[in-house]
Amino acid sequence: MRAICSSWCHGGSVRGCPCGGDFPPAPFTLVWHDAEVARRALAAVTVDTAGETPYVDDVLRLLARVGITVELR
């Protein structure tokens, strides 16, 4: 997760990341429209050193970790 933290949190895109910042107010739900389009477009992207976890899955894991519920649509 550290690679996502470096690129997202330090850029201010996700507040409440384990790297620091304020947590979103609970409960917080993100509605991700066209999630499957994003998944296909980012299929070849990975931040995991072994290249096994798709980028979208890492993003979803990070959001869940900071208490954000994601509805994929």
PDB file of N, CA and C in Angstrom:
ATOM      1  N   MET A   1       0.801  -1.197   0.000  1.00  0.00           N
ATOM      2  CA  MET A   1       0.000   0.000   0.000  1.00  0.00           C
ATOM      3  C   MET A   1       0.846   1.265   0.000  1.00  0.00           C
ATOM      4  N   ARG A   2       2.073   1.191   0.390  1.00  0.00           N
ATOM      5  CA  ARG A   2       2.888   2.388   0.509  1.00  0.00           C
ATOM      6  C   ARG A   2       3.013   3.132  -0.806  1.00  0.00           C
ATOM      7  N   ALA A   3       3.091   2.402  -1.927  1.00  0.00           N
ATOM      8  CA  ALA A   3       3.236   3.088  -3.212  1.00  0.00           C
ATOM      9  C   ALA A   3       2.001   3.924  -3.523  1.00  0.00           C
ATOM     10  N   ILE A   4       0.815   3.410  -3.218  1.00  0.00           N
ATOM     11  CA  ILE A   4      -0.400   4.192  -3.413  1.00  0.00           C
ATOM     12  C   ILE A   4      -0.366   5.390  -2.480  1.00  0.00           C
ATOM     13  N   CYS A   5       0.023   5.175  -1.240  1.00  0.00           N
ATOM     14  CA  CYS A   5       0.076   6.277  -0.286  1.00  0.00           C
ATOM     15  C   CYS A   5       0.978   7.390  -0.810  1.00  0.00           C
ATOM     16  N   SER A   6       2.096   7.024  -1.344  1.00  0.00           N
ATOM     17  CA  SER A   6       3.029   8.037  -1.841  1.00  0.00           C
ATOM     18  C   SER A   6       2.435   8.845  -2.968  1.00  0.00           C
ATOM     19  N   SER A   7       1.771   8.192  -3.901  1.00  0.00           N
ATOM     20  CA  SER A   7       1.264   8.918  -5.060  1.00  0.00           C
ATOM     21  C   SER A   7      -0.048   9.613  -4.771  1.00  0.00           C
ATOM     22  N   TRP A   8      -0.889   9.049  -3.952  1.00  0.00           N
ATOM     23  CA  TRP A   8      -2.197   9.647  -3.689  1.00  0.00           C
ATOM     24  C   TRP A   8      -2.174  10.617  -2.534  1.00  0.00           C
ATOM     25  N   CYS A   9      -1.771  10.154  -1.382  1.00  0.00           N
ATOM     26  CA  CYS A   9      -1.914  10.961  -0.166  1.00  0.00           C
ATOM     27  C   CYS A   9      -1.038  12.195  -0.182  1.00  0.00           C
ATOM     28  N   HIS A  10       0.171  12.041  -0.622  1.00  0.00           N
ATOM     29  CA  HIS A  10       1.068  13.190  -0.608  1.00  0.00           C
ATOM     30  C   HIS A  10       0.660  14.216  -1.643  1.00  0.00           C
ATOM     31  N   GLY A  11      -0.145  13.797  -2.605  1.00  0.00           N
ATOM     32  CA  GLY A  11      -0.691  14.740  -3.569  1.00  0.00           C
ATOM     33  C   GLY A  11      -1.988  15.364  -3.081  1.00  0.00           C
ATOM     34  N   GLY A  12      -2.478  14.929  -1.917  1.00  0.00           N
ATOM     35  CA  GLY A  12      -3.679  15.493  -1.336  1.00  0.00           C
ATOM     36  C   GLY A  12      -4.972  14.906  -1.880  1.00  0.00           C
ATOM     37  N   SER A  13      -4.888  13.830  -2.668  1.00  0.00           N
ATOM     38  CA  SER A  13      -6.096  13.273  -3.270  1.00  0.00           C
ATOM     39  C   SER A  13      -6.946  12.501  -2.270  1.00  0.00           C
ATOM     40  N   VAL A  14      -6.337  11.788  -1.368  1.00  0.00           N
ATOM     41  CA  VAL A  14      -7.086  11.010  -0.384  1.00  0.00           C
ATOM     42  C   VAL A  14      -6.688  11.483   1.004  1.00  0.00           C
ATOM     43  N   ARG A  15      -7.629  12.112   1.662  1.00  0.00           N
ATOM     44  CA  ARG A  15      -7.365  12.538   3.042  1.00  0.00           C
ATOM     45  C   ARG A  15      -7.774  11.389   3.951  1.00  0.00           C
ATOM     46  N   GLY A  16      -7.058  11.194   5.014  1.00  0.00           N
ATOM     47  CA  GLY A  16      -7.366  10.118   5.933  1.00  0.00           C
ATOM     48  C   GLY A  16      -6.568   8.865   5.652  1.00  0.00           C
ATOM     49  N   CYS A  17      -5.624   8.945   4.754  1.00  0.00           N
ATOM     50  CA  CYS A  17      -4.780   7.802   4.454  1.00  0.00           C
ATOM     51  C   CYS A  17      -3.932   7.460   5.686  1.00  0.00           C
ATOM     52  N   PRO A  18      -3.513   6.213   5.823  1.00  0.00           N
ATOM     53  CA  PRO A  18      -2.637   5.846   6.926  1.00  0.00           C
ATOM     54  C   PRO A  18      -1.362   6.691   6.986  1.00  0.00           C
ATOM     55  N   CYS A  19      -1.028   7.354   5.893  1.00  0.00           N
ATOM     56  CA  CYS A  19       0.160   8.209   5.884  1.00  0.00           C
ATOM     57  C   CYS A  19      -0.063   9.500   6.667  1.00  0.00           C
ATOM     58  N   GLY A  20      -1.294   9.849   6.927  1.00  0.00           N
ATOM     59  CA  GLY A  20      -1.597  11.082   7.644  1.00  0.00           C
ATOM     60  C   GLY A  20      -2.791  11.778   7.042  1.00  0.00           C
ATOM     61  N   GLY A  21      -3.174  12.902   7.619  1.00  0.00           N
ATOM     62  CA  GLY A  21      -4.328  13.635   7.127  1.00  0.00           C
ATOM     63  C   GLY A  21      -5.562  13.331   7.938  1.00  0.00           C
ATOM     64  N   ASP A  22      -6.627  14.047   7.657  1.00  0.00           N
ATOM     65  CA  ASP A  22      -7.879  13.862   8.371  1.00  0.00           C
ATOM     66  C   ASP A  22      -8.671  12.734   7.754  1.00  0.00           C
ATOM     67  N   PHE A  23      -9.354  11.971   8.612  1.00  0.00           N
ATOM     68  CA  PHE A  23     -10.202  10.899   8.111  1.00  0.00           C
ATOM     69  C   PHE A  23     -11.511  11.494   7.623  1.00  0.00           C
ATOM     70  N   PRO A  24     -12.123  10.881   6.622  1.00  0.00           N
ATOM     71  CA  PRO A  24     -13.410  11.389   6.152  1.00  0.00           C
ATOM     72  C   PRO A  24     -14.461  11.188   7.241  1.00  0.00           C
ATOM     73  N   PRO A  25     -15.511  12.010   7.234  1.00  0.00           N
ATOM     74  CA  PRO A  25     -16.552  11.831   8.246  1.00  0.00           C
ATOM     75  C   PRO A  25     -17.249  10.498   8.046  1.00  0.00           C
ATOM     76  N   ALA A  26     -17.508   9.808   9.134  1.00  0.00           N
ATOM     77  CA  ALA A  26     -18.176   8.507   9.041  1.00  0.00           C
ATOM     78  C   ALA A  26     -19.678   8.721   9.124  1.00  0.00           C
ATOM     79  N   PRO A  27     -20.497   7.955   8.480  1.00  0.00           N
ATOM     80  CA  PRO A  27     -20.107   7.035   7.411  1.00  0.00           C
ATOM     81  C   PRO A  27     -19.853   7.795   6.115  1.00  0.00           C
ATOM     82  N   PHE A  28     -18.936   7.306   5.328  1.00  0.00           N
ATOM     83  CA  PHE A  28     -18.581   7.946   4.066  1.00  0.00           C
ATOM     84  C   PHE A  28     -18.678   6.903   2.974  1.00  0.00           C
ATOM     85  N   THR A  29     -19.432   7.208   1.924  1.00  0.00           N
ATOM     86  CA  THR A  29     -19.590   6.285   0.807  1.00  0.00           C
ATOM     87  C   THR A  29     -19.204   6.986  -0.491  1.00  0.00           C
ATOM     88  N   LEU A  30     -18.358   6.329  -1.254  1.00  0.00           N
ATOM     89  CA  LEU A  30     -17.961   6.807  -2.570  1.00  0.00           C
ATOM     90  C   LEU A  30     -18.702   5.970  -3.611  1.00  0.00           C
ATOM     91  N   VAL A  31     -19.431   6.623  -4.490  1.00  0.00           N
ATOM     92  CA  VAL A  31     -20.104   5.923  -5.581  1.00  0.00           C
ATOM     93  C   VAL A  31     -19.207   6.049  -6.804  1.00  0.00           C
ATOM     94  N   TRP A  32     -18.656   4.918  -7.236  1.00  0.00           N
ATOM     95  CA  TRP A  32     -17.716   4.895  -8.349  1.00  0.00           C
ATOM     96  C   TRP A  32     -18.479   4.487  -9.607  1.00  0.00           C
ATOM     97  N   HIS A  33     -18.909   5.475 -10.372  1.00  0.00           N
ATOM     98  CA  HIS A  33     -19.630   5.215 -11.613  1.00  0.00           C
ATOM     99  C   HIS A  33     -18.653   4.687 -12.666  1.00  0.00           C
ATOM    100  N   ASP A  34     -19.133   3.797 -13.480  1.00  0.00           N
ATOM    101  CA  ASP A  34     -18.331   3.205 -14.563  1.00  0.00           C
ATOM    102  C   ASP A  34     -17.067   2.524 -14.026  1.00  0.00           C
ATOM    103  N   ALA A  35     -17.204   1.878 -12.893  1.00  0.00           N
ATOM    104  CA  ALA A  35     -16.057   1.210 -12.273  1.00  0.00           C
ATOM    105  C   ALA A  35     -15.446   0.147 -13.176  1.00  0.00           C
ATOM    106  N   GLU A  36     -16.274  -0.554 -13.918  1.00  0.00           N
ATOM    107  CA  GLU A  36     -15.746  -1.601 -14.793  1.00  0.00           C
ATOM    108  C   GLU A  36     -14.934  -0.998 -15.931  1.00  0.00           C
ATOM    109  N   VAL A  37     -15.323   0.172 -16.394  1.00  0.00           N
ATOM    110  CA  VAL A  37     -14.555   0.878 -17.424  1.00  0.00           C
ATOM    111  C   VAL A  37     -13.173   1.216 -16.875  1.00  0.00           C
ATOM    112  N   ALA A  38     -13.136   1.719 -15.644  1.00  0.00           N
ATOM    113  CA  ALA A  38     -11.857   2.047 -15.006  1.00  0.00           C
ATOM    114  C   ALA A  38     -11.011   0.792 -14.823  1.00  0.00           C
ATOM    115  N   ARG A  39     -11.653  -0.282 -14.385  1.00  0.00           N
ATOM    116  CA  ARG A  39     -10.915  -1.545 -14.178  1.00  0.00           C
ATOM    117  C   ARG A  39     -10.271  -2.013 -15.480  1.00  0.00           C
ATOM    118  N   ARG A  40     -11.012  -1.973 -16.575  1.00  0.00           N
ATOM    119  CA  ARG A  40     -10.457  -2.401 -17.865  1.00  0.00           C
ATOM    120  C   ARG A  40      -9.344  -1.462 -18.328  1.00  0.00           C
ATOM    121  N   ALA A  41      -9.557  -0.164 -18.165  1.00  0.00           N
ATOM    122  CA  ALA A  41      -8.560   0.814 -18.620  1.00  0.00           C
ATOM    123  C   ALA A  41      -7.263   0.706 -17.830  1.00  0.00           C
ATOM    124  N   LEU A  42      -7.361   0.299 -16.561  1.00  0.00           N
ATOM    125  CA  LEU A  42      -6.178   0.215 -15.700  1.00  0.00           C
ATOM    126  C   LEU A  42      -5.710  -1.220 -15.492  1.00  0.00           C
ATOM    127  N   ALA A  43      -6.184  -2.133 -16.308  1.00  0.00           N
ATOM    128  CA  ALA A  43      -5.874  -3.552 -16.128  1.00  0.00           C
ATOM    129  C   ALA A  43      -4.380  -3.851 -16.103  1.00  0.00           C
ATOM    130  N   ALA A  44      -3.604  -3.128 -16.868  1.00  0.00           N
ATOM    131  CA  ALA A  44      -2.163  -3.404 -16.938  1.00  0.00           C
ATOM    132  C   ALA A  44      -1.367  -2.644 -15.881  1.00  0.00           C
ATOM    133  N   VAL A  45      -2.044  -1.814 -15.097  1.00  0.00           N
ATOM    134  CA  VAL A  45      -1.358  -0.993 -14.094  1.00  0.00           C
ATOM    135  C   VAL A  45      -1.347  -1.710 -12.761  1.00  0.00           C
ATOM    136  N   THR A  46      -0.207  -1.704 -12.100  1.00  0.00           N
ATOM    137  CA  THR A  46      -0.089  -2.289 -10.765  1.00  0.00           C
ATOM    138  C   THR A  46       0.948  -1.511  -9.974  1.00  0.00           C
ATOM    139  N   VAL A  47       0.750  -1.441  -8.674  1.00  0.00           N
ATOM    140  CA  VAL A  47       1.743  -0.798  -7.816  1.00  0.00           C
ATOM    141  C   VAL A  47       2.383  -1.822  -6.881  1.00  0.00           C
ATOM    142  N   ASP A  48       1.883  -3.028  -6.943  1.00  0.00           N
ATOM    143  CA  ASP A  48       2.447  -4.093  -6.122  1.00  0.00           C
ATOM    144  C   ASP A  48       3.717  -4.607  -6.803  1.00  0.00           C
ATOM    145  N   THR A  49       4.766  -4.753  -6.031  1.00  0.00           N
ATOM    146  CA  THR A  49       6.076  -5.081  -6.596  1.00  0.00           C
ATOM    147  C   THR A  49       6.093  -6.401  -7.361  1.00  0.00           C
ATOM    148  N   ALA A  50       5.220  -7.322  -6.990  1.00  0.00           N
ATOM    149  CA  ALA A  50       5.158  -8.599  -7.698  1.00  0.00           C
ATOM    150  C   ALA A  50       4.291  -8.490  -8.960  1.00  0.00           C
ATOM    151  N   GLY A  51       3.558  -7.379  -9.092  1.00  0.00           N
ATOM    152  CA  GLY A  51       2.719  -7.182 -10.262  1.00  0.00           C
ATOM    153  C   GLY A  51       1.492  -8.064 -10.293  1.00  0.00           C
ATOM    154  N   GLU A  52       1.056  -8.533  -9.124  1.00  0.00           N
ATOM    155  CA  GLU A  52      -0.051  -9.480  -9.078  1.00  0.00           C
ATOM    156  C   GLU A  52      -1.397  -8.845  -8.761  1.00  0.00           C
ATOM    157  N   THR A  53      -1.406  -7.701  -8.078  1.00  0.00           N
ATOM    158  CA  THR A  53      -2.658  -7.077  -7.681  1.00  0.00           C
ATOM    159  C   THR A  53      -2.979  -5.913  -8.611  1.00  0.00           C
ATOM    160  N   PRO A  54      -4.116  -5.955  -9.271  1.00  0.00           N
ATOM    161  CA  PRO A  54      -4.491  -4.843 -10.150  1.00  0.00           C
ATOM    162  C   PRO A  54      -4.618  -3.533  -9.367  1.00  0.00           C
ATOM    163  N   TYR A  55      -4.306  -2.452 -10.017  1.00  0.00           N
ATOM    164  CA  TYR A  55      -4.329  -1.122  -9.406  1.00  0.00           C
ATOM    165  C   TYR A  55      -5.681  -0.808  -8.767  1.00  0.00           C
ATOM    166  N   VAL A  56      -6.754  -1.105  -9.479  1.00  0.00           N
ATOM    167  CA  VAL A  56      -8.086  -0.804  -8.949  1.00  0.00           C
ATOM    168  C   VAL A  56      -8.311  -1.540  -7.631  1.00  0.00           C
ATOM    169  N   ASP A  57      -7.858  -2.777  -7.520  1.00  0.00           N
ATOM    170  CA  ASP A  57      -8.009  -3.519  -6.270  1.00  0.00           C
ATOM    171  C   ASP A  57      -7.202  -2.877  -5.147  1.00  0.00           C
ATOM    172  N   ASP A  58      -6.009  -2.379  -5.454  1.00  0.00           N
ATOM    173  CA  ASP A  58      -5.219  -1.678  -4.439  1.00  0.00           C
ATOM    174  C   ASP A  58      -5.929  -0.408  -3.977  1.00  0.00           C
ATOM    175  N   VAL A  59      -6.524   0.318  -4.914  1.00  0.00           N
ATOM    176  CA  VAL A  59      -7.256   1.540  -4.568  1.00  0.00           C
ATOM    177  C   VAL A  59      -8.445   1.194  -3.672  1.00  0.00           C
ATOM    178  N   LEU A  60      -9.193   0.169  -4.038  1.00  0.00           N
ATOM    179  CA  LEU A  60     -10.338  -0.240  -3.228  1.00  0.00           C
ATOM    180  C   LEU A  60      -9.910  -0.665  -1.823  1.00  0.00           C
ATOM    181  N   ARG A  61      -8.801  -1.378  -1.736  1.00  0.00           N
ATOM    182  CA  ARG A  61      -8.291  -1.811  -0.426  1.00  0.00           C
ATOM    183  C   ARG A  61      -7.888  -0.607   0.420  1.00  0.00           C
ATOM    184  N   LEU A  62      -7.240   0.371  -0.195  1.00  0.00           N
ATOM    185  CA  LEU A  62      -6.838   1.577   0.517  1.00  0.00           C
ATOM    186  C   LEU A  62      -8.066   2.335   1.022  1.00  0.00           C
ATOM    187  N   LEU A  63      -9.058   2.505   0.181  1.00  0.00           N
ATOM    188  CA  LEU A  63     -10.266   3.220   0.583  1.00  0.00           C
ATOM    189  C   LEU A  63     -10.971   2.505   1.734  1.00  0.00           C
ATOM    190  N   ALA A  64     -11.059   1.187   1.664  1.00  0.00           N
ATOM    191  CA  ALA A  64     -11.668   0.415   2.749  1.00  0.00           C
ATOM    192  C   ALA A  64     -10.870   0.570   4.039  1.00  0.00           C
ATOM    193  N   ARG A  65      -9.576   0.595   3.909  1.00  0.00           N
ATOM    194  CA  ARG A  65      -8.695   0.704   5.076  1.00  0.00           C
ATOM    195  C   ARG A  65      -8.898   2.011   5.843  1.00  0.00           C
ATOM    196  N   VAL A  66      -9.266   3.065   5.131  1.00  0.00           N
ATOM    197  CA  VAL A  66      -9.487   4.349   5.794  1.00  0.00           C
ATOM    198  C   VAL A  66     -10.970   4.598   6.072  1.00  0.00           C
ATOM    199  N   GLY A  67     -11.778   3.550   5.923  1.00  0.00           N
ATOM    200  CA  GLY A  67     -13.172   3.636   6.316  1.00  0.00           C
ATOM    201  C   GLY A  67     -14.133   4.136   5.270  1.00  0.00           C
ATOM    202  N   ILE A  68     -13.736   4.121   4.016  1.00  0.00           N
ATOM    203  CA  ILE A  68     -14.605   4.577   2.944  1.00  0.00           C
ATOM    204  C   ILE A  68     -15.269   3.371   2.303  1.00  0.00           C
ATOM    205  N   THR A  69     -16.585   3.377   2.278  1.00  0.00           N
ATOM    206  CA  THR A  69     -17.352   2.339   1.596  1.00  0.00           C
ATOM    207  C   THR A  69     -17.438   2.742   0.129  1.00  0.00           C
ATOM    208  N   VAL A  70     -17.207   1.792  -0.756  1.00  0.00           N
ATOM    209  CA  VAL A  70     -17.247   2.082  -2.191  1.00  0.00           C
ATOM    210  C   VAL A  70     -18.356   1.263  -2.828  1.00  0.00           C
ATOM    211  N   GLU A  71     -19.220   1.961  -3.538  1.00  0.00           N
ATOM    212  CA  GLU A  71     -20.257   1.299  -4.337  1.00  0.00           C
ATOM    213  C   GLU A  71     -19.795   1.345  -5.782  1.00  0.00           C
ATOM    214  N   LEU A  72     -19.534   0.160  -6.331  1.00  0.00           N
ATOM    215  CA  LEU A  72     -19.103   0.076  -7.725  1.00  0.00           C
ATOM    216  C   LEU A  72     -20.328   0.004  -8.619  1.00  0.00           C
ATOM    217  N   ARG A  73     -20.366   0.910  -9.582  1.00  0.00           N
ATOM    218  CA  ARG A  73     -21.519   0.929 -10.516  1.00  0.00           C
ATOM    219  C   ARG A  73     -21.041   0.929 -11.930  1.00  0.00           C
TER     220      ARG A  73
END
